[in-house]
Amino acid sequence: MSYKQVGAKNTMDKLVTDAFKLTYKHTYKAESIEEEAIQTPNGVAGLFYEVAGNAASAKQFFVTDSTRHFCAERCIFTLSRTPTPWRRSPGSSRKTCGTWYKH
């Protein structure tokens, strides 16, 4: 999971633009990209993306309070004949989640 504090270096516009670009760079492999707005009663908002087709990160989202905090996540799926537990890649802040393949 990626967390950034909103500020002079990481403006809200830059963080949202970066999240959008990261999702839409899958356009060449994706069959479609569906967006769904996230809104909570306490002011947290964001977007959830579902990328269909041959894209590695089929589920992505970002949420923010729009003033101080920005959080983004991309779930990376790999096909395997054996269960792959949730794990952190060495030297990475991104989680990798496995897909359980059923015969």
PDB file of N, CA and C in Angstrom:
ATOM      1  N   MET A   1       0.845  -1.161   0.000  1.00  0.00           N
ATOM      2  CA  MET A   1       0.000   0.000   0.000  1.00  0.00           C
ATOM      3  C   MET A   1       0.897   1.232   0.000  1.00  0.00           C
ATOM      4  N   SER A   2       0.521   2.194  -0.752  1.00  0.00           N
ATOM      5  CA  SER A   2       1.293   3.423  -0.857  1.00  0.00           C
ATOM      6  C   SER A   2       0.576   4.542  -0.099  1.00  0.00           C
ATOM      7  N   TYR A   3       1.280   5.169   0.828  1.00  0.00           N
ATOM      8  CA  TYR A   3       0.730   6.297   1.584  1.00  0.00           C
ATOM      9  C   TYR A   3       1.588   7.529   1.334  1.00  0.00           C
ATOM     10  N   LYS A   4       0.944   8.641   1.072  1.00  0.00           N
ATOM     11  CA  LYS A   4       1.639   9.916   0.915  1.00  0.00           C
ATOM     12  C   LYS A   4       0.911  10.966   1.740  1.00  0.00           C
ATOM     13  N   GLN A   5       1.686  11.808   2.378  1.00  0.00           N
ATOM     14  CA  GLN A   5       1.100  12.948   3.067  1.00  0.00           C
ATOM     15  C   GLN A   5       0.984  14.073   2.051  1.00  0.00           C
ATOM     16  N   VAL A   6      -0.179  14.669   1.959  1.00  0.00           N
ATOM     17  CA  VAL A   6      -0.413  15.768   1.015  1.00  0.00           C
ATOM     18  C   VAL A   6       0.336  16.995   1.509  1.00  0.00           C
ATOM     19  N   GLY A   7       1.041  17.651   0.607  1.00  0.00           N
ATOM     20  CA  GLY A   7       1.810  18.839   0.970  1.00  0.00           C
ATOM     21  C   GLY A   7       2.370  19.519  -0.253  1.00  0.00           C
ATOM     22  N   ALA A   8       3.386  20.343  -0.047  1.00  0.00           N
ATOM     23  CA  ALA A   8       3.982  21.106  -1.147  1.00  0.00           C
ATOM     24  C   ALA A   8       4.603  20.186  -2.198  1.00  0.00           C
ATOM     25  N   LYS A   9       5.290  19.124  -1.760  1.00  0.00           N
ATOM     26  CA  LYS A   9       5.923  18.190  -2.689  1.00  0.00           C
ATOM     27  C   LYS A   9       4.891  17.265  -3.341  1.00  0.00           C
ATOM     28  N   ASN A  10       3.935  16.830  -2.550  1.00  0.00           N
ATOM     29  CA  ASN A  10       2.895  15.921  -3.025  1.00  0.00           C
ATOM     30  C   ASN A  10       1.541  16.620  -2.992  1.00  0.00           C
ATOM     31  N   THR A  11       1.278  17.431  -3.997  1.00  0.00           N
ATOM     32  CA  THR A  11      -0.008  18.124  -4.042  1.00  0.00           C
ATOM     33  C   THR A  11      -1.113  17.125  -4.375  1.00  0.00           C
ATOM     34  N   MET A  12      -2.329  17.450  -4.008  1.00  0.00           N
ATOM     35  CA  MET A  12      -3.461  16.565  -4.284  1.00  0.00           C
ATOM     36  C   MET A  12      -3.592  16.326  -5.783  1.00  0.00           C
ATOM     37  N   ASP A  13      -3.441  17.376  -6.590  1.00  0.00           N
ATOM     38  CA  ASP A  13      -3.535  17.229  -8.051  1.00  0.00           C
ATOM     39  C   ASP A  13      -2.491  16.248  -8.575  1.00  0.00           C
ATOM     40  N   LYS A  14      -1.267  16.346  -8.088  1.00  0.00           N
ATOM     41  CA  LYS A  14      -0.191  15.453  -8.543  1.00  0.00           C
ATOM     42  C   LYS A  14      -0.483  14.008  -8.142  1.00  0.00           C
ATOM     43  N   LEU A  15      -0.906  13.781  -6.913  1.00  0.00           N
ATOM     44  CA  LEU A  15      -1.176  12.428  -6.440  1.00  0.00           C
ATOM     45  C   LEU A  15      -2.324  11.772  -7.209  1.00  0.00           C
ATOM     46  N   VAL A  16      -3.405  12.515  -7.436  1.00  0.00           N
ATOM     47  CA  VAL A  16      -4.540  11.974  -8.187  1.00  0.00           C
ATOM     48  C   VAL A  16      -4.134  11.713  -9.637  1.00  0.00           C
ATOM     49  N   THR A  17      -3.393  12.645 -10.239  1.00  0.00           N
ATOM     50  CA  THR A  17      -2.932  12.464 -11.619  1.00  0.00           C
ATOM     51  C   THR A  17      -2.029  11.243 -11.732  1.00  0.00           C
ATOM     52  N   ASP A  18      -1.112  11.062 -10.786  1.00  0.00           N
ATOM     53  CA  ASP A  18      -0.226   9.900 -10.798  1.00  0.00           C
ATOM     54  C   ASP A  18      -1.016   8.598 -10.673  1.00  0.00           C
ATOM     55  N   ALA A  19      -2.009   8.562  -9.790  1.00  0.00           N
ATOM     56  CA  ALA A  19      -2.841   7.362  -9.617  1.00  0.00           C
ATOM     57  C   ALA A  19      -3.610   7.066 -10.901  1.00  0.00           C
ATOM     58  N   PHE A  20      -4.145   8.095 -11.528  1.00  0.00           N
ATOM     59  CA  PHE A  20      -4.884   7.948 -12.781  1.00  0.00           C
ATOM     60  C   PHE A  20      -3.965   7.423 -13.886  1.00  0.00           C
ATOM     61  N   LYS A  21      -2.777   8.008 -14.013  1.00  0.00           N
ATOM     62  CA  LYS A  21      -1.823   7.575 -15.045  1.00  0.00           C
ATOM     63  C   LYS A  21      -1.397   6.130 -14.836  1.00  0.00           C
ATOM     64  N   LEU A  22      -1.150   5.758 -13.584  1.00  0.00           N
ATOM     65  CA  LEU A  22      -0.721   4.393 -13.288  1.00  0.00           C
ATOM     66  C   LEU A  22      -1.798   3.378 -13.682  1.00  0.00           C
ATOM     67  N   THR A  23      -3.044   3.709 -13.409  1.00  0.00           N
ATOM     68  CA  THR A  23      -4.139   2.812 -13.790  1.00  0.00           C
ATOM     69  C   THR A  23      -4.279   2.750 -15.305  1.00  0.00           C
ATOM     70  N   TYR A  24      -4.278   3.902 -15.956  1.00  0.00           N
ATOM     71  CA  TYR A  24      -4.561   3.937 -17.387  1.00  0.00           C
ATOM     72  C   TYR A  24      -3.361   3.581 -18.260  1.00  0.00           C
ATOM     73  N   LYS A  25      -2.196   3.332 -17.669  1.00  0.00           N
ATOM     74  CA  LYS A  25      -1.094   2.834 -18.486  1.00  0.00           C
ATOM     75  C   LYS A  25      -1.344   1.382 -18.885  1.00  0.00           C
ATOM     76  N   HIS A  26      -2.351   0.737 -18.267  1.00  0.00           N
ATOM     77  CA  HIS A  26      -2.750  -0.623 -18.633  1.00  0.00           C
ATOM     78  C   HIS A  26      -3.683  -0.639 -19.843  1.00  0.00           C
ATOM     79  N   THR A  27      -4.024   0.515 -20.380  1.00  0.00           N
ATOM     80  CA  THR A  27      -5.001   0.610 -21.453  1.00  0.00           C
ATOM     81  C   THR A  27      -4.666  -0.292 -22.637  1.00  0.00           C
ATOM     82  N   TYR A  28      -3.400  -0.416 -22.968  1.00  0.00           N
ATOM     83  CA  TYR A  28      -3.037  -1.209 -24.143  1.00  0.00           C
ATOM     84  C   TYR A  28      -3.308  -2.701 -23.946  1.00  0.00           C
ATOM     85  N   LYS A  29      -3.393  -3.180 -22.713  1.00  0.00           N
ATOM     86  CA  LYS A  29      -3.692  -4.597 -22.453  1.00  0.00           C
ATOM     87  C   LYS A  29      -5.110  -4.801 -21.934  1.00  0.00           C
ATOM     88  N   ALA A  30      -5.713  -3.778 -21.407  1.00  0.00           N
ATOM     89  CA  ALA A  30      -7.031  -3.912 -20.790  1.00  0.00           C
ATOM     90  C   ALA A  30      -8.133  -3.966 -21.839  1.00  0.00           C
ATOM     91  N   GLU A  31      -9.141  -4.791 -21.550  1.00  0.00           N
ATOM     92  CA  GLU A  31     -10.335  -4.808 -22.385  1.00  0.00           C
ATOM     93  C   GLU A  31     -11.252  -3.664 -21.983  1.00  0.00           C
ATOM     94  N   SER A  32     -11.244  -3.348 -20.693  1.00  0.00           N
ATOM     95  CA  SER A  32     -12.021  -2.217 -20.190  1.00  0.00           C
ATOM     96  C   SER A  32     -11.487  -1.817 -18.823  1.00  0.00           C
ATOM     97  N   ILE A  33     -11.774  -0.589 -18.443  1.00  0.00           N
ATOM     98  CA  ILE A  33     -11.448  -0.102 -17.107  1.00  0.00           C
ATOM     99  C   ILE A  33     -12.703   0.567 -16.558  1.00  0.00           C
ATOM    100  N   GLU A  34     -13.228  -0.013 -15.495  1.00  0.00           N
ATOM    101  CA  GLU A  34     -14.427   0.522 -14.849  1.00  0.00           C
ATOM    102  C   GLU A  34     -14.014   1.332 -13.627  1.00  0.00           C
ATOM    103  N   GLU A  35     -14.610   2.492 -13.460  1.00  0.00           N
ATOM    104  CA  GLU A  35     -14.343   3.339 -12.296  1.00  0.00           C
ATOM    105  C   GLU A  35     -15.583   3.389 -11.421  1.00  0.00           C
ATOM    106  N   GLU A  36     -15.372   3.314 -10.111  1.00  0.00           N
ATOM    107  CA  GLU A  36     -16.467   3.470  -9.167  1.00  0.00           C
ATOM    108  C   GLU A  36     -16.032   4.432  -8.073  1.00  0.00           C
ATOM    109  N   ALA A  37     -16.837   5.440  -7.833  1.00  0.00           N
ATOM    110  CA  ALA A  37     -16.513   6.437  -6.810  1.00  0.00           C
ATOM    111  C   ALA A  37     -16.645   5.831  -5.419  1.00  0.00           C
ATOM    112  N   ILE A  38     -15.749   6.251  -4.527  1.00  0.00           N
ATOM    113  CA  ILE A  38     -15.779   5.863  -3.121  1.00  0.00           C
ATOM    114  C   ILE A  38     -16.068   7.131  -2.327  1.00  0.00           C
ATOM    115  N   GLN A  39     -17.051   7.072  -1.432  1.00  0.00           N
ATOM    116  CA  GLN A  39     -17.385   8.225  -0.590  1.00  0.00           C
ATOM    117  C   GLN A  39     -17.890   7.708   0.743  1.00  0.00           C
ATOM    118  N   THR A  40     -17.281   8.156   1.834  1.00  0.00           N
ATOM    119  CA  THR A  40     -17.733   7.743   3.158  1.00  0.00           C
ATOM    120  C   THR A  40     -18.366   8.932   3.882  1.00  0.00           C
ATOM    121  N   PRO A  41     -19.182   8.663   4.887  1.00  0.00           N
ATOM    122  CA  PRO A  41     -19.819   9.749   5.641  1.00  0.00           C
ATOM    123  C   PRO A  41     -18.821  10.677   6.335  1.00  0.00           C
ATOM    124  N   ASN A  42     -17.615  10.176   6.640  1.00  0.00           N
ATOM    125  CA  ASN A  42     -16.641  11.020   7.352  1.00  0.00           C
ATOM    126  C   ASN A  42     -15.690  11.758   6.417  1.00  0.00           C
ATOM    127  N   GLY A  43     -16.018  11.847   5.128  1.00  0.00           N
ATOM    128  CA  GLY A  43     -15.253  12.702   4.225  1.00  0.00           C
ATOM    129  C   GLY A  43     -14.122  12.047   3.459  1.00  0.00           C
ATOM    130  N   VAL A  44     -13.987  10.739   3.538  1.00  0.00           N
ATOM    131  CA  VAL A  44     -12.972  10.050   2.746  1.00  0.00           C
ATOM    132  C   VAL A  44     -13.570   9.759   1.374  1.00  0.00           C
ATOM    133  N   ALA A  45     -12.806  10.083   0.331  1.00  0.00           N
ATOM    134  CA  ALA A  45     -13.294   9.883  -1.033  1.00  0.00           C
ATOM    135  C   ALA A  45     -12.180   9.301  -1.887  1.00  0.00           C
ATOM    136  N   GLY A  46     -12.556   8.726  -2.997  1.00  0.00           N
ATOM    137  CA  GLY A  46     -11.564   8.185  -3.909  1.00  0.00           C
ATOM    138  C   GLY A  46     -12.217   7.480  -5.070  1.00  0.00           C
ATOM    139  N   LEU A  47     -11.420   6.650  -5.752  1.00  0.00           N
ATOM    140  CA  LEU A  47     -11.903   5.866  -6.884  1.00  0.00           C
ATOM    141  C   LEU A  47     -11.407   4.440  -6.770  1.00  0.00           C
ATOM    142  N   PHE A  48     -12.278   3.509  -7.162  1.00  0.00           N
ATOM    143  CA  PHE A  48     -11.927   2.103  -7.268  1.00  0.00           C
ATOM    144  C   PHE A  48     -11.945   1.765  -8.757  1.00  0.00           C
ATOM    145  N   TYR A  49     -10.866   1.134  -9.234  1.00  0.00           N
ATOM    146  CA  TYR A  49     -10.759   0.762 -10.646  1.00  0.00           C
ATOM    147  C   TYR A  49     -10.773  -0.754 -10.762  1.00  0.00           C
ATOM    148  N   GLU A  50     -11.547  -1.257 -11.706  1.00  0.00           N
ATOM    149  CA  GLU A  50     -11.516  -2.669 -12.045  1.00  0.00           C
ATOM    150  C   GLU A  50     -11.060  -2.766 -13.496  1.00  0.00           C
ATOM    151  N   VAL A  51      -9.886  -3.343 -13.674  1.00  0.00           N
ATOM    152  CA  VAL A  51      -9.268  -3.440 -14.993  1.00  0.00           C
ATOM    153  C   VAL A  51      -9.521  -4.844 -15.522  1.00  0.00           C
ATOM    154  N   ALA A  52     -10.262  -4.955 -16.632  1.00  0.00           N
ATOM    155  CA  ALA A  52     -10.569  -6.257 -17.222  1.00  0.00           C
ATOM    156  C   ALA A  52      -9.608  -6.536 -18.371  1.00  0.00           C
ATOM    157  N   GLY A  53      -9.292  -7.808 -18.551  1.00  0.00           N
ATOM    158  CA  GLY A  53      -8.394  -8.194 -19.632  1.00  0.00           C
ATOM    159  C   GLY A  53      -7.074  -8.691 -19.097  1.00  0.00           C
ATOM    160  N   ASN A  54      -6.058  -8.610 -19.920  1.00  0.00           N
ATOM    161  CA  ASN A  54      -4.746  -9.161 -19.602  1.00  0.00           C
ATOM    162  C   ASN A  54      -3.854  -8.124 -18.913  1.00  0.00           C
ATOM    163  N   ALA A  55      -4.318  -7.612 -17.798  1.00  0.00           N
ATOM    164  CA  ALA A  55      -3.550  -6.623 -17.035  1.00  0.00           C
ATOM    165  C   ALA A  55      -3.161  -7.226 -15.689  1.00  0.00           C
ATOM    166  N   ALA A  56      -1.958  -6.946 -15.238  1.00  0.00           N
ATOM    167  CA  ALA A  56      -1.454  -7.543 -13.997  1.00  0.00           C
ATOM    168  C   ALA A  56      -2.212  -7.058 -12.767  1.00  0.00           C
ATOM    169  N   SER A  57      -2.540  -5.797 -12.716  1.00  0.00           N
ATOM    170  CA  SER A  57      -3.207  -5.255 -11.530  1.00  0.00           C
ATOM    171  C   SER A  57      -4.665  -4.961 -11.853  1.00  0.00           C
ATOM    172  N   ALA A  58      -5.514  -5.964 -11.650  1.00  0.00           N
ATOM    173  CA  ALA A  58      -6.921  -5.874 -12.030  1.00  0.00           C
ATOM    174  C   ALA A  58      -7.752  -5.029 -11.070  1.00  0.00           C
ATOM    175  N   LYS A  59      -7.324  -4.914  -9.843  1.00  0.00           N
ATOM    176  CA  LYS A  59      -8.052  -4.125  -8.838  1.00  0.00           C
ATOM    177  C   LYS A  59      -7.124  -3.043  -8.307  1.00  0.00           C
ATOM    178  N   GLN A  60      -7.567  -1.796  -8.410  1.00  0.00           N
ATOM    179  CA  GLN A  60      -6.772  -0.669  -7.936  1.00  0.00           C
ATOM    180  C   GLN A  60      -7.700   0.353  -7.301  1.00  0.00           C
ATOM    181  N   PHE A  61      -7.172   1.100  -6.349  1.00  0.00           N
ATOM    182  CA  PHE A  61      -7.977   2.172  -5.771  1.00  0.00           C
ATOM    183  C   PHE A  61      -7.078   3.222  -5.145  1.00  0.00           C
ATOM    184  N   PHE A  62      -7.656   4.386  -4.924  1.00  0.00           N
ATOM    185  CA  PHE A  62      -7.028   5.387  -4.068  1.00  0.00           C
ATOM    186  C   PHE A  62      -8.114   6.043  -3.238  1.00  0.00           C
ATOM    187  N   VAL A  63      -7.737   6.455  -2.028  1.00  0.00           N
ATOM    188  CA  VAL A  63      -8.638   7.182  -1.135  1.00  0.00           C
ATOM    189  C   VAL A  63      -7.864   8.328  -0.505  1.00  0.00           C
ATOM    190  N   THR A  64      -8.602   9.367  -0.160  1.00  0.00           N
ATOM    191  CA  THR A  64      -7.982  10.549   0.435  1.00  0.00           C
ATOM    192  C   THR A  64      -8.995  11.322   1.264  1.00  0.00           C
ATOM    193  N   ASP A  65      -8.493  12.064   2.233  1.00  0.00           N
ATOM    194  CA  ASP A  65      -9.358  12.992   2.960  1.00  0.00           C
ATOM    195  C   ASP A  65      -9.338  14.361   2.278  1.00  0.00           C
ATOM    196  N   SER A  66      -8.594  14.464   1.186  1.00  0.00           N
ATOM    197  CA  SER A  66      -8.454  15.637   0.304  1.00  0.00           C
ATOM    198  C   SER A  66      -7.672  16.799   0.909  1.00  0.00           C
ATOM    199  N   THR A  67      -7.152  16.636   2.116  1.00  0.00           N
ATOM    200  CA  THR A  67      -6.359  17.716   2.709  1.00  0.00           C
ATOM    201  C   THR A  67      -5.002  17.261   3.230  1.00  0.00           C
ATOM    202  N   ARG A  68      -4.924  16.052   3.823  1.00  0.00           N
ATOM    203  CA  ARG A  68      -3.670  15.626   4.449  1.00  0.00           C
ATOM    204  C   ARG A  68      -3.174  14.243   4.041  1.00  0.00           C
ATOM    205  N   HIS A  69      -4.080  13.333   3.735  1.00  0.00           N
ATOM    206  CA  HIS A  69      -3.700  11.940   3.539  1.00  0.00           C
ATOM    207  C   HIS A  69      -4.145  11.403   2.181  1.00  0.00           C
ATOM    208  N   PHE A  70      -3.264  10.596   1.562  1.00  0.00           N
ATOM    209  CA  PHE A  70      -3.558   9.961   0.275  1.00  0.00           C
ATOM    210  C   PHE A  70      -3.020   8.540   0.327  1.00  0.00           C
ATOM    211  N   CYS A  71      -3.862   7.581   0.009  1.00  0.00           N
ATOM    212  CA  CYS A  71      -3.491   6.172   0.065  1.00  0.00           C
ATOM    213  C   CYS A  71      -3.901   5.502  -1.243  1.00  0.00           C
ATOM    214  N   ALA A  72      -3.010   4.681  -1.810  1.00  0.00           N
ATOM    215  CA  ALA A  72      -3.314   3.974  -3.056  1.00  0.00           C
ATOM    216  C   ALA A  72      -2.861   2.526  -2.936  1.00  0.00           C
ATOM    217  N   GLU A  73      -3.550   1.645  -3.651  1.00  0.00           N
ATOM    218  CA  GLU A  73      -3.209   0.224  -3.634  1.00  0.00           C
ATOM    219  C   GLU A  73      -3.496  -0.384  -4.996  1.00  0.00           C
ATOM    220  N   ARG A  74      -2.630  -1.284  -5.403  1.00  0.00           N
ATOM    221  CA  ARG A  74      -2.801  -2.071  -6.611  1.00  0.00           C
ATOM    222  C   ARG A  74      -2.592  -3.517  -6.220  1.00  0.00           C
ATOM    223  N   CYS A  75      -3.540  -4.352  -6.551  1.00  0.00           N
ATOM    224  CA  CYS A  75      -3.427  -5.756  -6.222  1.00  0.00           C
ATOM    225  C   CYS A  75      -2.897  -6.491  -7.447  1.00  0.00           C
ATOM    226  N   ILE A  76      -1.727  -7.095  -7.305  1.00  0.00           N
ATOM    227  CA  ILE A  76      -1.070  -7.803  -8.400  1.00  0.00           C
ATOM    228  C   ILE A  76      -1.440  -9.275  -8.305  1.00  0.00           C
ATOM    229  N   PHE A  77      -2.017  -9.812  -9.360  1.00  0.00           N
ATOM    230  CA  PHE A  77      -2.414 -11.214  -9.388  1.00  0.00           C
ATOM    231  C   PHE A  77      -1.450 -12.027 -10.223  1.00  0.00           C
ATOM    232  N   THR A  78      -1.098 -13.193  -9.715  1.00  0.00           N
ATOM    233  CA  THR A  78      -0.298 -14.132 -10.481  1.00  0.00           C
ATOM    234  C   THR A  78      -1.021 -15.476 -10.454  1.00  0.00           C
ATOM    235  N   LEU A  79      -0.960 -16.203 -11.548  1.00  0.00           N
ATOM    236  CA  LEU A  79      -1.583 -17.518 -11.594  1.00  0.00           C
ATOM    237  C   LEU A  79      -0.602 -18.555 -11.089  1.00  0.00           C
ATOM    238  N   SER A  80      -1.101 -19.431 -10.240  1.00  0.00           N
ATOM    239  CA  SER A  80      -0.260 -20.447  -9.649  1.00  0.00           C
ATOM    240  C   SER A  80      -1.110 -21.679  -9.370  1.00  0.00           C
ATOM    241  N   ARG A  81      -0.506 -22.845  -9.434  1.00  0.00           N
ATOM    242  CA  ARG A  81      -1.239 -24.066  -9.109  1.00  0.00           C
ATOM    243  C   ARG A  81      -1.307 -24.283  -7.601  1.00  0.00           C
ATOM    244  N   THR A  82      -0.507 -23.563  -6.857  1.00  0.00           N
ATOM    245  CA  THR A  82      -0.537 -23.678  -5.406  1.00  0.00           C
ATOM    246  C   THR A  82      -0.867 -22.318  -4.819  1.00  0.00           C
ATOM    247  N   PRO A  83      -1.516 -22.292  -3.662  1.00  0.00           N
ATOM    248  CA  PRO A  83      -1.855 -20.999  -3.059  1.00  0.00           C
ATOM    249  C   PRO A  83      -0.605 -20.165  -2.776  1.00  0.00           C
ATOM    250  N   THR A  84      -0.690 -18.886  -3.092  1.00  0.00           N
ATOM    251  CA  THR A  84       0.385 -17.948  -2.811  1.00  0.00           C
ATOM    252  C   THR A  84      -0.119 -16.975  -1.756  1.00  0.00           C
ATOM    253  N   PRO A  85       0.459 -16.981  -0.571  1.00  0.00           N
ATOM    254  CA  PRO A  85      -0.047 -16.092   0.487  1.00  0.00           C
ATOM    255  C   PRO A  85       0.282 -14.627   0.207  1.00  0.00           C
ATOM    256  N   TRP A  86      -0.440 -13.744   0.872  1.00  0.00           N
ATOM    257  CA  TRP A  86      -0.119 -12.318   0.795  1.00  0.00           C
ATOM    258  C   TRP A  86       1.315 -12.139   1.240  1.00  0.00           C
ATOM    259  N   ARG A  87       2.028 -11.315   0.523  1.00  0.00           N
ATOM    260  CA  ARG A  87       3.426 -11.089   0.886  1.00  0.00           C
ATOM    261  C   ARG A  87       3.867  -9.724   0.393  1.00  0.00           C
ATOM    262  N   ARG A  88       4.920  -9.237   0.950  1.00  0.00           N
ATOM    263  CA  ARG A  88       5.533  -7.999   0.477  1.00  0.00           C
ATOM    264  C   ARG A  88       6.750  -8.377  -0.345  1.00  0.00           C
ATOM    265  N   SER A  89       6.861  -7.747  -1.497  1.00  0.00           N
ATOM    266  CA  SER A  89       8.037  -7.979  -2.326  1.00  0.00           C
ATOM    267  C   SER A  89       9.239  -7.358  -1.642  1.00  0.00           C
ATOM    268  N   PRO A  90      10.415  -8.005  -1.675  1.00  0.00           N
ATOM    269  CA  PRO A  90      11.603  -7.437  -1.030  1.00  0.00           C
ATOM    270  C   PRO A  90      11.903  -6.029  -1.568  1.00  0.00           C
ATOM    271  N   GLY A  91      12.084  -5.100  -0.679  1.00  0.00           N
ATOM    272  CA  GLY A  91      12.420  -3.733  -1.069  1.00  0.00           C
ATOM    273  C   GLY A  91      11.258  -2.955  -1.653  1.00  0.00           C
ATOM    274  N   SER A  92      10.040  -3.466  -1.523  1.00  0.00           N
ATOM    275  CA  SER A  92       8.886  -2.810  -2.119  1.00  0.00           C
ATOM    276  C   SER A  92       7.859  -2.511  -1.044  1.00  0.00           C
ATOM    277  N   SER A  93       7.146  -1.409  -1.216  1.00  0.00           N
ATOM    278  CA  SER A  93       6.059  -1.102  -0.296  1.00  0.00           C
ATOM    279  C   SER A  93       4.741  -1.623  -0.858  1.00  0.00           C
ATOM    280  N   ARG A  94       4.785  -2.245  -2.048  1.00  0.00           N
ATOM    281  CA  ARG A  94       3.576  -2.741  -2.681  1.00  0.00           C
ATOM    282  C   ARG A  94       3.323  -4.183  -2.260  1.00  0.00           C
ATOM    283  N   LYS A  95       2.104  -4.482  -1.890  1.00  0.00           N
ATOM    284  CA  LYS A  95       1.737  -5.845  -1.550  1.00  0.00           C
ATOM    285  C   LYS A  95       1.504  -6.622  -2.842  1.00  0.00           C
ATOM    286  N   THR A  96       1.774  -7.883  -2.788  1.00  0.00           N
ATOM    287  CA  THR A  96       1.462  -8.766  -3.894  1.00  0.00           C
ATOM    288  C   THR A  96       0.458  -9.777  -3.388  1.00  0.00           C
ATOM    289  N   CYS A  97      -0.643  -9.944  -4.091  1.00  0.00           N
ATOM    290  CA  CYS A  97      -1.607 -10.934  -3.644  1.00  0.00           C
ATOM    291  C   CYS A  97      -1.702 -12.019  -4.692  1.00  0.00           C
ATOM    292  N   GLY A  98      -1.784 -13.222  -4.224  1.00  0.00           N
ATOM    293  CA  GLY A  98      -1.815 -14.368  -5.125  1.00  0.00           C
ATOM    294  C   GLY A  98      -3.238 -14.753  -5.490  1.00  0.00           C
ATOM    295  N   THR A  99      -3.373 -15.485  -6.557  1.00  0.00           N
ATOM    296  CA  THR A  99      -4.641 -16.039  -6.983  1.00  0.00           C
ATOM    297  C   THR A  99      -4.606 -17.534  -6.726  1.00  0.00           C
ATOM    298  N   TRP A 100      -5.671 -18.063  -6.217  1.00  0.00           N
ATOM    299  CA  TRP A 100      -5.724 -19.490  -5.962  1.00  0.00           C
ATOM    300  C   TRP A 100      -6.325 -20.160  -7.186  1.00  0.00           C
ATOM    301  N   TYR A 101      -5.528 -20.980  -7.806  1.00  0.00           N
ATOM    302  CA  TYR A 101      -5.933 -21.664  -9.029  1.00  0.00           C
ATOM    303  C   TYR A 101      -6.613 -22.973  -8.649  1.00  0.00           C
ATOM    304  N   LYS A 102      -7.802 -23.211  -9.181  1.00  0.00           N
ATOM    305  CA  LYS A 102      -8.539 -24.442  -8.887  1.00  0.00           C
ATOM    306  C   LYS A 102      -8.560 -25.288 -10.144  1.00  0.00           C
ATOM    307  N   HIS A 103      -8.206 -26.543 -10.019  1.00  0.00           N
ATOM    308  CA  HIS A 103      -8.156 -27.477 -11.149  1.00  0.00           C
ATOM    309  C   HIS A 103      -9.549 -27.728 -11.681  1.00  0.00           C
TER     310      HIS A 103
END
